């Protein structure tokens, strides 16, 4: 019995069939995680870029006087229309418009209010258009679900209570007289 076991172990050790399979089994998950993370990072950066683009073009229109008194809904619709690739944009984007105190240059840091998908009712966020010659800061925050939440980058993104990650774009304009 011992001789048969020794003979089997010698043949097993000398055989080189299946070595490529072992390498494949070890390296395949690593390459898949890298590829999935690359796709996730590409989609995250594309969504961030398009959110910033939509916000910047909309703020340019406001500065040029396209609307006399822009409302929250009008600005949000314009941002969503210009951002193009944000799915369910009107449901996932939250806007905040605040005045920046130009005497002390206190930029409102609190906030970063995003859509709370776990709440039944969304709270009202500050959206005051301000007076003449006031510097206004606008924030747009969008919440997205990771494409691959259990692997790679999707696993390590900071998430809110609903499991989504946040993208925030900020811009500003001065109310012209």
Protein backbone atom coordinates (compact mmCIF):
# COMPACT_ATOMS: atom_id res chain seq x y z
CA UNK A 1 0.00 0.00 0.00
CA UNK A 2 2.80 2.42 0.91
CA UNK A 3 4.68 1.56 -2.31
CA UNK A 4 1.58 2.28 -4.38
CA UNK A 5 1.12 5.62 -2.64
CA UNK A 6 4.79 6.54 -3.14
CA UNK A 7 4.56 5.57 -6.80
CA UNK A 8 1.43 7.69 -7.25
CA UNK A 9 3.03 10.69 -5.55
CA UNK A 10 6.17 10.38 -7.73
CA UNK A 11 4.06 10.31 -10.90
CA UNK A 12 1.94 13.20 -9.65
CA UNK A 13 5.01 15.29 -8.86
CA UNK A 14 6.64 14.56 -12.22
CA UNK A 15 3.49 15.28 -14.27
CA UNK A 16 3.23 18.79 -15.70
CA UNK A 17 -0.27 18.55 -17.18
CA UNK A 18 -2.63 21.15 -15.75
CA UNK A 19 -0.02 23.72 -14.73
CA UNK A 20 -1.61 26.30 -17.03
CA UNK A 21 -4.95 25.63 -15.38
CA UNK A 22 -3.51 26.36 -11.95
CA UNK A 23 -2.03 29.65 -13.17
CA UNK A 24 -5.34 30.55 -14.82
CA UNK A 25 -7.31 29.81 -11.65
CA UNK A 26 -4.97 31.97 -9.59
CA UNK A 27 -4.68 34.94 -11.99
CA UNK A 28 -8.15 35.08 -13.59
CA UNK A 29 -9.92 36.63 -10.55
CA UNK A 30 -7.20 39.28 -10.26
CA UNK A 31 -7.57 40.31 -13.90
CA UNK A 32 -11.37 40.28 -13.67
CA UNK A 33 -11.33 42.55 -10.61
CA UNK A 34 -8.96 44.93 -12.43
CA UNK A 35 -11.22 45.02 -15.50
CA UNK A 36 -14.40 45.48 -13.47
CA UNK A 37 -12.75 48.26 -11.44
CA UNK A 38 -11.66 49.96 -14.65
CA UNK A 39 -15.21 49.90 -16.01
CA UNK A 40 -16.58 51.21 -12.69
CA UNK A 41 -13.98 54.00 -12.53
CA UNK A 42 -14.65 54.96 -16.15
CA UNK A 43 -18.40 55.21 -15.55
CA UNK A 44 -17.87 57.17 -12.32
CA UNK A 45 -15.58 59.68 -14.03
CA UNK A 46 -17.89 60.00 -17.04
CA UNK A 47 -20.89 60.69 -14.82
CA UNK A 48 -18.90 63.22 -12.76
CA UNK A 49 -17.70 64.99 -15.90
CA UNK A 50 -21.20 65.13 -17.42
CA UNK A 51 -22.73 66.39 -14.15
CA UNK A 52 -20.13 69.17 -14.03
CA UNK A 53 -20.69 69.93 -17.72
CA UNK A 54 -24.46 70.18 -17.28
CA UNK A 55 -24.04 72.43 -14.24
CA UNK A 56 -21.46 74.69 -15.92
CA UNK A 57 -23.48 75.19 -19.11
CA UNK A 58 -26.64 75.87 -17.11
CA UNK A 59 -24.82 78.40 -14.90
CA UNK A 60 -23.45 80.09 -18.02
CA UNK A 61 -27.03 80.42 -19.31
CA UNK A 62 -28.12 81.95 -16.01
CA UNK A 63 -25.20 84.42 -16.08
CA UNK A 64 -26.14 85.43 -19.62
CA UNK A 65 -29.72 86.08 -18.54
CA UNK A 66 -31.54 83.20 -20.25
CA UNK A 67 -34.06 83.19 -17.38
CA UNK A 68 -35.24 86.19 -15.41
CA UNK A 69 -35.87 84.29 -12.19
CA UNK A 70 -34.76 80.66 -12.45
CA UNK A 71 -36.64 78.22 -10.26
CA UNK A 72 -35.35 75.02 -8.76
CA UNK A 73 -37.25 72.85 -11.24
CA UNK A 74 -36.13 74.82 -14.31
CA UNK A 75 -32.46 74.71 -13.29
CA UNK A 76 -32.66 71.02 -12.45
CA UNK A 77 -34.32 70.20 -15.79
CA UNK A 78 -31.65 72.14 -17.68
CA UNK A 79 -28.81 70.43 -15.82
CA UNK A 80 -30.36 67.03 -16.52
CA UNK A 81 -30.96 67.86 -20.17
CA UNK A 82 -27.35 68.92 -20.65
CA UNK A 83 -25.77 66.15 -18.56
CA UNK A 84 -27.33 63.59 -20.92
CA UNK A 85 -26.04 60.26 -19.56
CA UNK A 86 -27.32 60.46 -15.99
CA UNK A 87 -30.04 57.83 -15.61
CA UNK A 88 -33.23 59.01 -13.84
CA UNK A 89 -31.62 62.41 -13.52
CA UNK A 90 -34.63 64.23 -12.08
CA UNK A 91 -34.84 61.63 -9.30
CA UNK A 92 -31.16 61.32 -8.39
CA UNK A 93 -29.96 64.95 -8.57
CA UNK A 94 -30.41 67.41 -5.71
CA UNK A 95 -29.64 71.13 -6.12
CA UNK A 96 -28.65 73.70 -3.55
CA UNK A 97 -28.29 77.44 -4.26
CA UNK A 98 -26.82 79.70 -1.59
CA UNK A 99 -25.33 83.14 -1.23
CA UNK A 100 -21.59 83.48 -0.55
CA UNK A 101 -20.75 86.23 1.92
CA UNK A 102 -18.25 88.42 0.05
CA UNK A 103 -17.22 90.38 3.15
CA UNK A 104 -15.90 87.38 5.05
CA UNK A 105 -15.65 85.00 2.07
CA UNK A 106 -17.37 82.30 4.04
CA UNK A 107 -18.26 79.63 1.53
CA UNK A 108 -21.03 77.46 2.95
CA UNK A 109 -19.28 74.16 3.60
CA UNK A 110 -22.06 72.41 5.43
CA UNK A 111 -24.46 70.70 3.20
CA UNK A 112 -23.57 68.48 0.32
CA UNK A 113 -27.20 67.56 0.55
CA UNK A 114 -27.94 64.65 -1.71
CA UNK A 115 -31.06 62.72 -2.48
CA UNK A 116 -31.87 60.42 0.42
CA UNK A 117 -33.31 57.37 -1.26
CA UNK A 118 -34.22 55.80 2.08
CA UNK A 119 -36.54 58.67 3.07
CA UNK A 120 -40.14 58.79 1.93
CA UNK A 121 -40.20 62.61 1.74
CA UNK A 122 -37.32 64.77 0.54
CA UNK A 123 -36.62 67.83 2.70
CA UNK A 124 -36.62 71.29 1.13
CA UNK A 125 -33.09 72.42 0.31
CA UNK A 126 -32.09 76.09 0.24
CA UNK A 127 -32.66 77.52 -3.23
CA UNK A 128 -32.79 81.30 -2.97
CA UNK A 129 -31.91 83.22 -6.11
CA UNK A 130 -30.37 86.13 -4.18
CA UNK A 131 -30.31 89.86 -4.82
CA UNK A 132 -28.44 91.99 -7.33
CA UNK A 133 -24.63 91.74 -7.30
CA UNK A 134 -24.62 88.79 -4.92
CA UNK A 135 -22.23 85.92 -5.43
CA UNK A 136 -24.22 82.70 -5.54
CA UNK A 137 -22.90 79.15 -5.17
CA UNK A 138 -24.78 76.21 -6.62
CA UNK A 139 -24.17 72.57 -5.74
CA UNK A 140 -25.53 69.60 -7.63
CA UNK A 141 -25.32 66.23 -5.94
CA UNK A 142 -26.24 62.98 -7.66
CA UNK A 143 -26.51 59.52 -6.12
CA UNK A 144 -25.72 56.40 -8.16
CA UNK A 145 -25.60 52.70 -7.46
CA UNK A 146 -22.27 51.03 -8.22
CA UNK A 147 -22.36 48.79 -11.29
CA UNK A 148 -20.39 46.07 -9.51
CA UNK A 149 -20.97 46.71 -5.78
CA UNK A 150 -19.23 43.60 -4.45
CA UNK A 151 -15.92 43.78 -6.34
CA UNK A 152 -13.04 46.15 -6.88
CA UNK A 153 -13.73 49.87 -6.83
CA UNK A 154 -17.47 49.38 -6.26
CA UNK A 155 -16.68 47.63 -2.98
CA UNK A 156 -14.48 50.47 -1.72
CA UNK A 157 -16.56 53.51 -2.74
CA UNK A 158 -17.98 55.45 0.22
CA UNK A 159 -21.71 54.75 0.19
CA UNK A 160 -24.77 56.30 1.79
CA UNK A 161 -27.53 54.45 3.67
CA UNK A 162 -29.14 53.28 0.42
CA UNK A 163 -25.90 51.81 -0.95
CA UNK A 164 -25.24 54.55 -3.52
CA UNK A 165 -22.18 56.74 -3.98
CA UNK A 166 -22.34 60.52 -4.35
CA UNK A 167 -21.00 62.79 -7.05
CA UNK A 168 -20.94 66.52 -6.27
CA UNK A 169 -20.41 69.39 -8.70
CA UNK A 170 -20.12 73.02 -7.60
CA UNK A 171 -20.33 76.24 -9.58
CA UNK A 172 -21.05 79.89 -8.99
CA UNK A 173 -22.32 83.04 -10.59
CA UNK A 174 -22.99 86.68 -9.74
CA UNK A 175 -26.49 88.09 -10.05
CA UNK A 176 -26.10 90.86 -12.61
CA UNK A 177 -27.94 94.14 -12.05
